[in-house]
Amino acid sequence: MHTGYINPALRQLRDQQVRFSPREKKIEQVDAAERLLAELDPKRVYTYEYLCYRITNYRPESYPDMRISGEEAAHDLRLFVEDLSDAAEVPARDAGEEVLTVDDLSRRFQVSTKTISRWRRQGLVSRRFVFDGRKRVGFLLSSVQRFVDRNQEKVRRGMSFSQLTEEERRGIIERARRLALAGGCPAEVTKRLSRHTGRSIETIRYTLKQFDRDHPELAIFPDNSGPIRDETKRKIYQQYRRGEAIEILAKRFCRTRSSIYRIINEMRARRIFELPLEYIPNDWFATIRTEKQEREILGPAPPGDVVLKKPKLPSGLPPYLASLYEVPLLNREQEVHLFRKMNYLKYRASKLREQLDPARPKARLMDQIEASHDASVAVKNEIISANLRLVVSIAKRHVGPMESFFELVSDGNISLIRAVEKFDFARGNKFSTYASWAIMKNFARTIPDEHRHRDRFRTSQAEMFVATEDARSDQYEQEAAQVQRESQVERILSRLDERERKIIISRFGLDRGHEPATLKQVGTEMGITKERVRQLEARSLSKLRRAAKEEMIEPPGN
């Protein structure tokens, strides 16, 4: 909604109609306001009563003595038409006549979008319509024709001023291509061409945009003429989550700040739709209506039982497993509270996610979903921590000469996590009973499988294999380590700009199939001196060291 109303009475009228008028009435009042606009004389003075009656068909009791100049009334009525049409949410195809966008109008009259904006301030009435699910400014063909009939000289002058010759157009395109190949972003190239040619930024931007649209195979900015790729969106979102500022991302990826915000919200919404929000349903959750009821569920757990002495530790436990016995066990009331809290948080996040529109995600709604999910994970971890010693005690009972105690603990931890996710607190059972059954069931299945696997590959020289250490390298382990190293290198290289990245890749042969290049070779390829390459390399290596330290990446051999 517009905030630039001159007269508070007309702004108040806008607020009333937006809030209380039905959709059909809004459309009628928009048409009435536009008819009134066409009749206003800027030099006359009108009463508010007259203006309100012409728009709404009723005479107001408020502001009986208010007088408004025709010029101020015209200004506010143009805003009124756009705001009320915005609230009516009329699809462009249902307007009853042809609707032109700003770009359509710009092409039709061969003027820049800035000229269209100027015409709007000078009396061209615009409305807001829904185009393919998105609200955008549009112009009824009848409104455009009315403006042209009343402002023929103004339109003719705008067309003659903004029209480019074919020679000028070719010059702009050729120079833009050279600047783009040198690494210029669309915004930067547009500003430089505007200063060079004396044309407006809007005229240059429209010329380049139209050329890229008409000649996609020769596009000057191919990555910016169409939808941004998912890979690029992921990079933007990853770098944003690492703390990169919006301004830096906009400059690095040659995008506007608003488009960067849209990409971040889109990727954030995708991540939210992938969150594991499965919960154990309970009819009681749907009865929660008040904040007081929620506080009871989401508050702290009841106090635990008084522990008179420390639990006895099993013999032979390593220190990091012995520390599990320092976490107090949960009593029955605490168990019920924590499981109810965890599942309610997931339930609430799941219901909020159903309201999330992936095409237009709202940041506030995503904040609420993420907050509920994070809180549920924290409660889940609290339950797991209090029951880890159960895994250790069951593993000690199942360990034998052919089983590794630590492998059993690892398998048991996985079973414990699954049990926490599947446990229904409303049935009245103790969680330790349910978890013990789940862990032992998993051991009963995995231990015989492991025995069969070992029996299949048993040899008569088993003692020799036990006694002799196998010093051969593990191929899978090497491949996994290589993938990890490549991922780490790619992550810190993303901190460099395009030129620095190219220098480092060329100098150290990071591109597959290419040998490391000398300073002179890199300089020749990039069109700069050998000394400049050396300076940029030193600066880039310094950046990479800082990035590696921030990412906590250890150098090879450490």
Protein backbone atom coordinates (compact mmCIF):
# COMPACT_ATOMS: atom_id res chain seq x y z
CA MET A 1 0.00 0.00 0.00
CA HIS A 2 1.15 3.52 -0.79
CA THR A 3 2.13 5.82 2.08
CA GLY A 4 2.53 9.04 0.07
CA TYR A 5 -1.03 10.38 0.33
CA ILE A 6 -1.21 14.16 0.63
CA ASN A 7 -4.68 14.27 2.17
CA PRO A 8 -5.39 12.19 5.32
CA ALA A 9 -9.12 11.97 4.52
CA LEU A 10 -8.52 10.15 1.22
CA ARG A 11 -5.98 7.87 2.90
CA GLN A 12 -8.57 7.04 5.58
CA LEU A 13 -11.13 6.35 2.84
CA ARG A 14 -8.60 3.99 1.22
CA ASP A 15 -8.12 2.12 4.50
CA GLN A 16 -11.89 1.71 5.03
CA GLN A 17 -12.57 0.40 1.53
CA VAL A 18 -9.58 -1.96 1.55
CA ARG A 19 -10.67 -3.50 4.87
CA PHE A 20 -14.45 -3.61 4.62
CA SER A 21 -15.63 -3.43 1.01
CA PRO A 22 -16.41 -6.71 -0.78
CA ARG A 23 -14.36 -7.53 -3.87
CA GLU A 24 -17.05 -6.54 -6.39
CA LYS A 25 -17.54 -3.22 -4.61
CA LYS A 26 -13.81 -2.52 -4.68
CA ILE A 27 -13.77 -3.02 -8.47
CA GLU A 28 -16.76 -0.65 -8.89
CA GLN A 29 -15.07 2.00 -6.76
CA VAL A 30 -11.81 1.69 -8.71
CA ASP A 31 -13.72 2.33 -11.95
CA ALA A 32 -15.57 5.28 -10.35
CA ALA A 33 -12.32 6.80 -9.05
CA GLU A 34 -10.72 6.54 -12.50
CA ARG A 35 -13.74 8.23 -14.13
CA LEU A 36 -13.51 10.99 -11.54
CA LEU A 37 -9.80 11.40 -12.26
CA ALA A 38 -10.53 12.05 -15.92
CA GLU A 39 -12.90 14.89 -14.98
CA LEU A 40 -10.82 16.69 -12.35
CA ASP A 41 -9.54 20.19 -13.09
CA PRO A 42 -6.19 20.82 -11.36
CA LYS A 43 -7.06 24.51 -10.88
CA ARG A 44 -10.40 23.92 -9.12
CA VAL A 45 -11.08 23.11 -5.47
CA TYR A 46 -13.34 20.18 -4.48
CA THR A 47 -15.01 19.21 -1.22
CA TYR A 48 -14.14 15.89 0.32
CA GLU A 49 -17.89 15.14 0.50
CA TYR A 50 -18.14 15.44 -3.31
CA LEU A 51 -15.08 13.23 -3.95
CA CYS A 52 -16.26 10.55 -1.51
CA TYR A 53 -19.78 10.55 -2.98
CA ARG A 54 -18.47 10.16 -6.54
CA ILE A 55 -16.38 7.13 -5.50
CA THR A 56 -18.63 5.34 -2.98
CA ASN A 57 -22.16 6.70 -3.70
CA TYR A 58 -22.65 7.84 -0.12
CA ARG A 59 -22.11 11.21 1.62
CA PRO A 60 -19.73 11.03 4.58
CA GLU A 61 -20.32 12.73 7.93
CA SER A 62 -16.61 13.21 8.56
CA TYR A 63 -14.61 16.18 7.24
CA PRO A 64 -17.72 18.24 6.27
CA ASP A 65 -15.74 21.44 5.66
CA MET A 66 -12.64 19.97 4.02
CA ARG A 67 -11.56 21.43 0.66
CA ILE A 68 -9.02 19.72 -1.58
CA SER A 69 -7.30 21.20 -4.63
CA GLY A 70 -7.77 19.38 -7.93
CA GLU A 71 -4.02 18.75 -8.17
CA GLU A 72 -3.82 17.12 -4.72
CA ALA A 73 -7.01 15.15 -5.34
CA ALA A 74 -5.62 13.79 -8.64
CA HIS A 75 -2.39 12.73 -6.93
CA ASP A 76 -4.19 10.88 -4.11
CA LEU A 77 -6.81 9.31 -6.38
CA ARG A 78 -4.11 7.72 -8.55
CA LEU A 79 -2.72 6.08 -5.41
CA PHE A 80 -6.26 5.15 -4.33
CA VAL A 81 -6.93 3.37 -7.63
CA GLU A 82 -3.72 1.34 -7.39
CA ASP A 83 -4.19 0.43 -3.71
CA LEU A 84 -7.81 -0.62 -4.05
CA SER A 85 -7.13 -2.66 -7.21
CA ASP A 86 -4.26 -4.32 -5.34
CA ALA A 87 -6.67 -5.37 -2.57
CA ALA A 88 -9.24 -6.63 -5.13
CA GLU A 89 -6.68 -9.10 -6.61
CA VAL A 90 -8.13 -9.09 -10.12
CA PRO A 91 -6.44 -11.49 -12.60
CA ALA A 92 -5.33 -9.65 -15.74
CA ARG A 93 -7.33 -12.05 -17.94
CA ASP A 94 -10.55 -11.08 -16.09
CA ALA A 95 -10.14 -7.33 -16.56
CA GLY A 96 -12.61 -7.23 -19.46
CA GLU A 97 -10.16 -5.57 -21.83
CA GLU A 98 -6.50 -5.75 -22.79
CA VAL A 99 -4.07 -5.10 -19.93
CA LEU A 100 -0.56 -3.81 -20.71
CA THR A 101 2.45 -4.21 -18.43
CA VAL A 102 5.17 -1.58 -18.08
CA ASP A 103 7.34 -3.52 -20.56
CA ASP A 104 4.43 -3.83 -23.01
CA LEU A 105 3.85 -0.09 -22.88
CA SER A 106 7.56 0.62 -23.22
CA ARG A 107 7.75 -1.49 -26.39
CA ARG A 108 4.55 -0.09 -27.84
CA PHE A 109 5.68 3.54 -27.59
CA GLN A 110 9.43 2.86 -27.94
CA VAL A 111 10.24 4.67 -24.70
CA SER A 112 12.12 3.68 -21.55
CA THR A 113 10.44 2.37 -18.42
CA LYS A 114 11.56 5.58 -16.70
CA THR A 115 9.43 7.53 -19.17
CA ILE A 116 6.45 5.30 -18.29
CA SER A 117 7.03 6.10 -14.61
CA ARG A 118 7.06 9.81 -15.44
CA TRP A 119 3.79 9.47 -17.39
CA ARG A 120 2.21 7.78 -14.36
CA ARG A 121 3.07 10.81 -12.23
CA GLN A 122 1.61 13.03 -14.95
CA GLY A 123 -1.78 11.32 -15.07
CA LEU A 124 -1.46 7.84 -16.65
CA VAL A 125 -3.67 5.71 -14.38
CA SER A 126 -2.22 2.36 -13.35
CA ARG A 127 -3.78 -0.52 -11.48
CA ARG A 128 -2.43 -3.70 -9.94
CA PHE A 129 -3.40 -7.03 -11.52
CA VAL A 130 -2.47 -10.65 -10.91
CA PHE A 131 -0.17 -11.97 -13.69
CA ASP A 132 0.60 -15.72 -13.43
CA GLY A 133 0.11 -15.70 -9.67
CA ARG A 134 2.09 -12.48 -9.04
CA LYS A 135 0.79 -8.95 -8.57
CA ARG A 136 2.23 -6.41 -10.98
CA VAL A 137 1.40 -2.93 -12.22
CA GLY A 138 -0.80 -2.95 -15.31
CA PHE A 139 -2.64 -0.44 -17.51
CA LEU A 140 -6.06 -0.86 -19.05
CA LEU A 141 -5.95 -0.14 -22.77
CA SER A 142 -8.76 2.39 -22.31
CA SER A 143 -6.73 4.21 -19.62
CA VAL A 144 -3.72 4.37 -21.91
CA GLN A 145 -5.80 5.67 -24.81
CA ARG A 146 -7.38 8.34 -22.59
CA PHE A 147 -3.93 9.52 -21.47
CA VAL A 148 -2.59 9.58 -25.05
CA ASP A 149 -5.62 11.57 -26.30
CA ARG A 150 -5.11 14.20 -23.61
CA ASN A 151 -1.29 14.30 -23.84
CA GLN A 152 -0.47 13.77 -27.53
CA GLU A 153 2.40 16.25 -27.59
CA LYS A 154 3.92 14.84 -24.41
CA VAL A 155 3.78 11.29 -25.80
CA ARG A 156 5.22 12.35 -29.16
CA ARG A 157 8.07 14.22 -27.44
CA GLY A 158 8.86 11.21 -25.24
CA MET A 159 8.95 8.86 -28.23
CA SER A 160 11.23 11.09 -30.29
CA PHE A 161 13.61 11.69 -27.38
CA SER A 162 14.04 8.04 -26.39
CA GLN A 163 14.17 6.45 -29.82
CA LEU A 164 17.61 5.03 -30.64
CA THR A 165 19.01 4.86 -34.14
CA GLU A 166 20.08 1.47 -35.40
CA GLU A 167 23.71 2.63 -35.37
CA GLU A 168 23.42 3.73 -31.73
CA ARG A 169 21.81 0.43 -30.82
CA ARG A 170 24.61 -1.59 -32.46
CA GLY A 171 27.24 0.54 -30.72
CA ILE A 172 25.64 -0.01 -27.32
CA ILE A 173 25.42 -3.77 -27.86
CA GLU A 174 29.03 -4.12 -29.09
CA ARG A 175 30.44 -2.07 -26.22
CA ALA A 176 28.30 -3.94 -23.70
CA ARG A 177 29.64 -7.26 -25.04
CA ARG A 178 33.26 -6.12 -24.58
CA LEU A 179 32.58 -4.94 -21.03
CA ALA A 180 30.74 -8.19 -20.20
CA LEU A 181 33.63 -10.31 -21.49
CA ALA A 182 35.96 -8.28 -19.26
CA GLY A 183 33.91 -9.41 -16.25
CA GLY A 184 31.41 -6.56 -15.90
CA CYS A 185 28.05 -7.16 -14.24
CA PRO A 186 24.82 -5.94 -15.89
CA ALA A 187 24.35 -3.04 -13.46
CA GLU A 188 27.95 -1.88 -13.84
CA VAL A 189 27.89 -2.20 -17.64
CA THR A 190 24.60 -0.30 -17.84
CA LYS A 191 25.93 2.61 -15.77
CA ARG A 192 29.12 2.89 -17.83
CA LEU A 193 27.23 2.83 -21.11
CA SER A 194 24.80 5.44 -19.80
CA ARG A 195 27.68 7.80 -18.99
CA HIS A 196 29.36 7.07 -22.33
CA THR A 197 26.28 7.54 -24.55
CA GLY A 198 24.38 10.16 -22.56
CA ARG A 199 21.29 7.93 -22.58
CA SER A 200 19.31 7.05 -19.47
CA ILE A 201 20.11 3.89 -17.53
CA GLU A 202 16.58 2.60 -18.26
CA THR A 203 17.07 3.04 -22.02
CA ILE A 204 20.38 1.12 -21.93
CA ARG A 205 18.94 -1.62 -19.71
CA TYR A 206 15.89 -2.06 -21.93
CA THR A 207 18.04 -2.17 -25.10
CA LEU A 208 20.31 -4.91 -23.71
CA LYS A 209 17.40 -6.86 -22.23
CA GLN A 210 15.50 -6.77 -25.51
CA PHE A 211 18.59 -7.90 -27.47
CA ASP A 212 19.20 -10.86 -25.12
CA ARG A 213 15.55 -11.86 -25.36
CA ASP A 214 15.46 -11.64 -29.17
CA HIS A 215 18.88 -13.31 -29.68
CA PRO A 216 19.36 -15.91 -26.91
CA GLU A 217 22.21 -17.60 -28.80
CA LEU A 218 24.11 -14.27 -28.87
CA ALA A 219 22.99 -13.01 -25.46
CA ILE A 220 25.36 -10.57 -23.75
CA PHE A 221 24.31 -11.73 -20.28
CA PRO A 222 23.00 -15.28 -20.85
CA ASP A 223 22.99 -16.18 -17.15
CA ASN A 224 20.92 -13.12 -16.30
CA SER A 225 18.39 -13.32 -19.12
CA GLY A 226 16.64 -16.44 -17.83
CA PRO A 227 15.93 -18.23 -14.56
CA ILE A 228 18.93 -18.68 -12.30
CA ARG A 229 20.23 -22.26 -12.08
CA ASP A 230 19.63 -24.38 -8.97
CA GLU A 231 23.37 -24.88 -8.51
CA THR A 232 23.89 -21.11 -8.33
CA LYS A 233 20.96 -20.76 -5.91
CA ARG A 234 22.54 -23.37 -3.63
CA LYS A 235 25.87 -21.51 -3.67
CA ILE A 236 24.15 -18.22 -2.81
CA TYR A 237 22.27 -19.83 0.08
CA GLN A 238 25.35 -21.65 1.42
CA GLN A 239 27.43 -18.47 1.38
CA TYR A 240 24.60 -16.52 3.03
CA ARG A 241 24.42 -19.10 5.84
CA ARG A 242 28.17 -18.72 6.33
CA GLY A 243 27.61 -15.03 7.05
CA GLU A 244 28.16 -13.32 3.67
CA ALA A 245 26.39 -9.95 3.41
CA ILE A 246 23.56 -9.48 0.90
CA GLU A 247 25.45 -6.63 -0.81
CA ILE A 248 28.51 -8.84 -1.39
CA LEU A 249 26.39 -11.70 -2.75
CA ALA A 250 24.52 -9.33 -5.08
CA LYS A 251 27.81 -8.04 -6.49
CA ARG A 252 29.44 -11.47 -6.70
CA PHE A 253 26.54 -13.07 -8.59
CA CYS A 254 25.56 -9.98 -10.61
CA ARG A 255 22.08 -9.85 -9.14
CA THR A 256 19.98 -7.21 -7.43
CA ARG A 257 19.59 -7.27 -3.66
CA SER A 258 15.88 -8.04 -4.01
CA SER A 259 16.61 -11.07 -6.24
CA ILE A 260 19.19 -12.34 -3.72
CA TYR A 261 16.58 -12.07 -0.96
CA ARG A 262 14.09 -13.99 -3.13
CA ILE A 263 16.63 -16.75 -3.82
CA ILE A 264 17.52 -17.07 -0.13
CA ASN A 265 13.85 -17.33 0.83
CA GLU A 266 13.22 -19.88 -1.92
CA MET A 267 16.15 -22.10 -0.85
CA ARG A 268 15.22 -21.71 2.80
CA ALA A 269 11.66 -22.83 1.99
CA ARG A 270 13.02 -25.87 0.11
CA ARG A 271 15.09 -26.82 3.14
CA ILE A 272 12.04 -26.46 5.40
CA PHE A 273 9.98 -28.75 3.16
CA GLU A 274 12.74 -31.37 3.54
CA LEU A 275 12.76 -31.22 7.36
CA PRO A 276 11.79 -34.52 9.07
CA LEU A 277 8.64 -33.46 10.92
CA GLU A 278 7.00 -36.88 11.38
CA TYR A 279 5.43 -37.05 14.84
CA ILE A 280 3.39 -39.50 16.89
CA PRO A 281 -0.17 -38.13 16.57
CA ASN A 282 -2.27 -37.38 19.60
CA ASP A 283 -5.85 -36.08 19.61
CA TRP A 284 -4.93 -33.84 22.51
CA PHE A 285 -2.66 -31.64 20.34
CA ALA A 286 -5.59 -30.26 18.32
CA THR A 287 -7.28 -29.05 21.53
CA ILE A 288 -4.49 -26.59 22.34
CA ARG A 289 -5.94 -23.13 21.78
CA THR A 290 -4.44 -20.69 24.31
CA GLU A 291 -0.92 -19.51 25.12
CA LYS A 292 -1.37 -20.77 28.69
CA GLN A 293 -1.98 -24.32 27.42
CA GLU A 294 1.10 -24.11 25.20
CA ARG A 295 3.24 -22.85 28.07
CA GLU A 296 2.25 -25.89 30.11
CA ILE A 297 3.44 -28.22 27.34
CA LEU A 298 6.55 -26.27 26.37
CA GLY A 299 7.69 -25.36 29.85
CA PRO A 300 10.56 -27.03 31.75
CA ALA A 301 10.31 -30.67 32.76
CA PRO A 302 9.21 -31.57 36.32
CA PRO A 303 12.03 -31.93 38.87
CA GLY A 304 13.86 -35.25 38.88
CA ASP A 305 14.19 -37.75 41.69
CA VAL A 306 16.71 -37.03 44.42
CA VAL A 307 19.89 -39.05 43.78
CA LEU A 308 21.59 -40.02 47.08
CA LYS A 309 24.68 -41.57 45.54
CA LYS A 310 26.39 -41.77 42.19
CA PRO A 311 25.56 -44.78 40.02
CA LYS A 312 28.10 -47.59 39.95
CA LEU A 313 30.10 -47.60 36.73
CA PRO A 314 30.61 -50.87 34.81
CA SER A 315 34.22 -51.95 34.88
CA GLY A 316 36.48 -51.30 31.89
CA LEU A 317 34.51 -48.41 30.41
CA PRO A 318 36.57 -45.75 28.61
CA PRO A 319 36.27 -42.21 30.02
CA TYR A 320 33.99 -40.90 27.24
CA LEU A 321 31.47 -43.71 27.89
CA ALA A 322 31.80 -43.37 31.66
CA SER A 323 30.67 -39.73 31.31
CA LEU A 324 27.25 -41.00 30.16
CA TYR A 325 26.53 -42.05 33.74
CA GLU A 326 26.79 -38.42 34.89
CA VAL A 327 23.52 -37.62 33.05
CA PRO A 328 20.61 -38.30 35.43
CA LEU A 329 17.91 -40.76 34.42
CA LEU A 330 14.39 -39.51 33.67
CA ASN A 331 11.51 -40.38 35.98
CA ARG A 332 8.07 -41.24 34.57
CA GLU A 333 6.70 -37.67 34.76
CA GLN A 334 9.77 -36.23 33.02
CA GLU A 335 9.55 -38.83 30.26
CA VAL A 336 5.91 -38.06 29.54
CA HIS A 337 6.57 -34.31 29.57
CA LEU A 338 9.56 -34.47 27.20
CA PHE A 339 7.95 -36.86 24.70
CA ARG A 340 4.75 -34.82 24.70
CA LYS A 341 6.78 -31.62 24.22
CA MET A 342 8.89 -33.07 21.38
CA ASN A 343 5.90 -34.42 19.45
CA TYR A 344 3.84 -31.27 19.97
CA LEU A 345 6.68 -29.12 18.63
CA LYS A 346 6.86 -31.33 15.53
CA TYR A 347 3.07 -31.21 15.22
CA ARG A 348 3.09 -27.41 15.40
CA ALA A 349 5.93 -27.12 12.88
CA SER A 350 4.13 -29.52 10.53
CA LYS A 351 0.87 -27.53 10.70
CA LEU A 352 2.74 -24.26 10.08
CA ARG A 353 4.54 -25.84 7.12
CA GLU A 354 1.16 -26.63 5.54
CA GLN A 355 0.55 -22.86 5.40
CA LEU A 356 3.88 -22.14 3.68
CA ASP A 357 3.59 -21.16 0.02
CA PRO A 358 6.76 -22.37 -1.77
CA ALA A 359 6.23 -19.76 -4.50
CA ARG A 360 6.02 -16.85 -2.04
CA PRO A 361 7.39 -18.00 1.33
CA LYS A 362 7.01 -15.61 4.25
CA ALA A 363 10.11 -15.10 6.39
CA ARG A 364 8.14 -14.84 9.63
CA LEU A 365 6.37 -18.15 9.03
CA MET A 366 9.69 -19.85 8.18
CA ASP A 367 11.19 -18.45 11.42
CA GLN A 368 8.36 -20.07 13.40
CA ILE A 369 8.75 -23.43 11.65
CA GLU A 370 12.53 -23.52 12.13
CA ALA A 371 12.22 -22.45 15.76
CA SER A 372 9.74 -25.27 16.50
CA HIS A 373 11.89 -27.84 14.66
CA ASP A 374 15.10 -26.76 16.43
CA ALA A 375 13.33 -26.91 19.79
CA SER A 376 12.05 -30.43 19.03
CA VAL A 377 15.59 -31.54 18.13
CA ALA A 378 16.90 -30.14 21.42
CA VAL A 379 14.25 -32.09 23.39
CA LYS A 380 15.01 -35.24 21.39
CA ASN A 381 18.73 -34.92 22.21
CA GLU A 382 17.86 -34.47 25.89
CA ILE A 383 15.90 -37.75 25.87
CA ILE A 384 18.68 -39.58 24.01
CA SER A 385 21.40 -38.32 26.39
CA ALA A 386 19.45 -39.57 29.40
CA ASN A 387 19.14 -43.08 27.89
CA LEU A 388 22.57 -43.66 26.34
CA ARG A 389 23.74 -45.65 29.36
CA LEU A 390 20.92 -48.12 28.58
CA VAL A 391 22.64 -48.90 25.27
CA VAL A 392 25.95 -49.52 27.03
CA SER A 393 24.42 -51.92 29.56
CA ILE A 394 22.60 -53.94 26.87
CA ALA A 395 25.70 -54.03 24.63
CA LYS A 396 27.82 -55.41 27.49
CA ARG A 397 25.35 -58.30 27.88
CA HIS A 398 25.49 -59.15 24.14
CA VAL A 399 29.19 -58.76 23.50
CA GLY A 400 31.05 -61.98 22.74
CA PRO A 401 34.39 -63.16 21.36
CA MET A 402 33.25 -62.47 17.79
CA GLU A 403 31.61 -59.04 18.39
CA SER A 404 33.14 -55.62 18.90
CA PHE A 405 31.72 -53.88 21.95
CA PHE A 406 32.02 -50.45 20.34
CA GLU A 407 30.25 -51.59 17.16
CA LEU A 408 27.40 -52.88 19.30
CA VAL A 409 27.21 -49.53 21.11
CA SER A 410 27.14 -47.71 17.78
CA ASP A 411 24.34 -49.95 16.44
CA GLY A 412 22.47 -49.61 19.71
CA ASN A 413 22.63 -45.81 19.56
CA ILE A 414 20.95 -45.89 16.13
CA SER A 415 18.22 -48.14 17.53
CA LEU A 416 17.78 -45.77 20.49
CA ILE A 417 17.33 -42.77 18.18
CA ARG A 418 14.69 -44.62 16.15
CA ALA A 419 12.94 -45.68 19.33
CA VAL A 420 12.73 -42.05 20.53
CA GLU A 421 11.08 -41.09 17.22
CA LYS A 422 8.57 -43.97 17.32
CA PHE A 423 7.64 -44.07 21.02
CA ASP A 424 4.01 -43.21 21.84
CA PHE A 425 3.97 -41.67 25.32
CA ALA A 426 0.16 -41.79 25.49
CA ARG A 427 0.09 -45.61 25.85
CA GLY A 428 1.47 -45.42 29.38
CA ASN A 429 4.55 -47.62 28.86
CA LYS A 430 8.00 -46.79 30.19
CA PHE A 431 10.36 -45.69 27.45
CA SER A 432 13.25 -47.76 28.82
CA THR A 433 11.17 -50.94 28.31
CA TYR A 434 10.31 -49.97 24.72
CA ALA A 435 13.90 -48.91 23.91
CA SER A 436 15.41 -52.08 25.44
CA TRP A 437 13.15 -54.22 23.27
CA ALA A 438 14.09 -52.22 20.14
CA ILE A 439 17.84 -52.42 20.84
CA MET A 440 17.83 -56.15 21.64
CA LYS A 441 15.69 -56.88 18.57
CA ASN A 442 18.27 -55.11 16.43
CA PHE A 443 21.13 -57.04 18.08
CA ALA A 444 19.28 -60.33 17.53
CA ARG A 445 19.08 -59.54 13.83
CA THR A 446 22.54 -58.08 13.21
CA ILE A 447 24.72 -60.43 15.28
CA PRO A 448 23.67 -63.67 13.46
CA ASP A 449 24.11 -61.87 10.14
CA GLU A 450 27.63 -60.90 11.15
CA HIS A 451 28.37 -64.48 12.20
CA ARG A 452 27.17 -65.83 8.85
CA HIS A 453 29.28 -63.28 7.02
CA ARG A 454 32.38 -64.28 8.97
CA ASP A 455 31.73 -68.03 8.57
CA ARG A 456 31.45 -67.61 4.81
CA PHE A 457 34.93 -66.09 4.59
CA ARG A 458 36.59 -68.14 7.33
CA THR A 459 39.98 -69.73 6.39
CA SER A 460 42.17 -72.36 7.96
CA GLN A 461 44.82 -69.70 8.57
CA ALA A 462 42.69 -67.33 10.65
CA GLU A 463 45.45 -67.03 13.27
CA MET A 464 47.85 -65.72 10.64
CA PHE A 465 45.40 -62.99 9.64
CA VAL A 466 44.88 -61.99 13.27
CA ALA A 467 48.60 -61.90 13.96
CA THR A 468 49.64 -60.03 10.83
CA GLU A 469 48.61 -56.40 10.47
CA ASP A 470 47.26 -55.52 7.04
CA ALA A 471 49.15 -52.42 5.96
CA ARG A 472 47.46 -52.14 2.56
CA SER A 473 45.60 -48.93 1.83
CA ASP A 474 41.81 -48.95 1.70
CA GLN A 475 40.72 -47.85 -1.80
CA TYR A 476 37.28 -46.77 -0.64
CA GLU A 477 38.82 -44.81 2.22
CA GLN A 478 41.18 -43.07 -0.21
CA GLU A 479 38.32 -42.14 -2.55
CA ALA A 480 36.25 -40.82 0.33
CA ALA A 481 39.17 -38.73 1.54
CA GLN A 482 39.73 -37.37 -1.98
CA VAL A 483 36.06 -36.37 -2.29
CA GLN A 484 36.27 -34.65 1.07
CA ARG A 485 39.44 -32.77 0.04
CA GLU A 486 37.85 -31.63 -3.23
CA SER A 487 34.77 -30.42 -1.36
CA GLN A 488 36.94 -28.48 1.09
CA VAL A 489 38.95 -26.88 -1.72
CA GLU A 490 35.76 -25.90 -3.58
CA ARG A 491 34.35 -24.41 -0.37
CA ILE A 492 37.31 -22.12 0.30
CA LEU A 493 37.76 -21.24 -3.39
CA SER A 494 34.22 -19.84 -3.33
CA ARG A 495 35.55 -17.06 -1.05
CA LEU A 496 37.59 -15.65 -3.98
CA ASP A 497 36.33 -13.44 -6.75
CA GLU A 498 36.28 -14.77 -10.33
CA ARG A 499 39.72 -13.47 -11.31
CA GLU A 500 41.46 -14.67 -8.13
CA ARG A 501 39.82 -18.08 -8.45
CA LYS A 502 40.99 -18.41 -12.05
CA ILE A 503 44.59 -17.53 -11.08
CA ILE A 504 44.74 -20.08 -8.24
CA ILE A 505 43.21 -22.84 -10.37
CA SER A 506 45.66 -22.17 -13.24
CA ARG A 507 48.75 -21.75 -11.07
CA PHE A 508 48.21 -24.94 -9.04
CA GLY A 509 46.66 -27.12 -11.77
CA LEU A 510 43.38 -27.59 -9.92
CA ASP A 511 41.47 -28.02 -13.16
CA ARG A 512 41.46 -31.70 -14.20
CA GLY A 513 43.64 -32.40 -17.23
CA HIS A 514 45.67 -29.19 -16.96
CA GLU A 515 49.21 -28.82 -15.64
CA PRO A 516 50.16 -25.93 -13.34
CA ALA A 517 50.85 -22.76 -15.35
CA THR A 518 53.66 -20.24 -14.89
CA LEU A 519 53.10 -16.61 -13.91
CA LYS A 520 53.84 -15.55 -17.47
CA GLN A 521 51.37 -18.05 -18.97
CA VAL A 522 48.59 -16.95 -16.64
CA GLY A 523 49.35 -13.28 -17.32
CA THR A 524 49.24 -13.83 -21.10
CA GLU A 525 45.93 -15.65 -20.86
CA MET A 526 44.33 -12.95 -18.69
CA GLY A 527 45.91 -9.94 -20.39
CA ILE A 528 47.84 -8.66 -17.34
CA THR A 529 51.50 -8.52 -16.37
CA LYS A 530 53.42 -11.32 -14.68
CA GLU A 531 54.00 -9.12 -11.63
CA ARG A 532 50.30 -8.38 -11.31
CA VAL A 533 49.56 -12.13 -11.39
CA ARG A 534 52.07 -12.65 -8.59
CA GLN A 535 50.44 -9.92 -6.47
CA LEU A 536 46.96 -11.34 -7.01
CA GLU A 537 48.20 -14.86 -6.22
CA ALA A 538 49.72 -13.71 -2.92
CA ARG A 539 46.50 -11.92 -1.97
CA SER A 540 44.40 -14.95 -2.92
CA LEU A 541 46.55 -17.36 -0.90
CA SER A 542 46.18 -15.11 2.12
CA LYS A 543 42.41 -15.20 1.71
CA LEU A 544 42.47 -18.99 1.35
CA ARG A 545 44.49 -19.42 4.54
CA ARG A 546 41.94 -17.34 6.46
CA ALA A 547 39.07 -19.27 4.87
CA ALA A 548 40.69 -22.63 5.75
CA LYS A 549 41.13 -21.48 9.33
CA GLU A 550 37.49 -20.33 9.57
CA GLU A 551 36.29 -23.60 8.02
CA MET A 552 38.59 -25.53 10.42
CA ILE A 553 40.24 -27.39 7.53
CA GLU A 554 43.48 -29.08 8.55
CA PRO A 555 46.38 -29.03 6.04
CA PRO A 556 47.41 -32.45 4.62
CA GLY A 557 49.73 -34.39 6.90
CA ASN A 558 48.47 -32.84 10.16
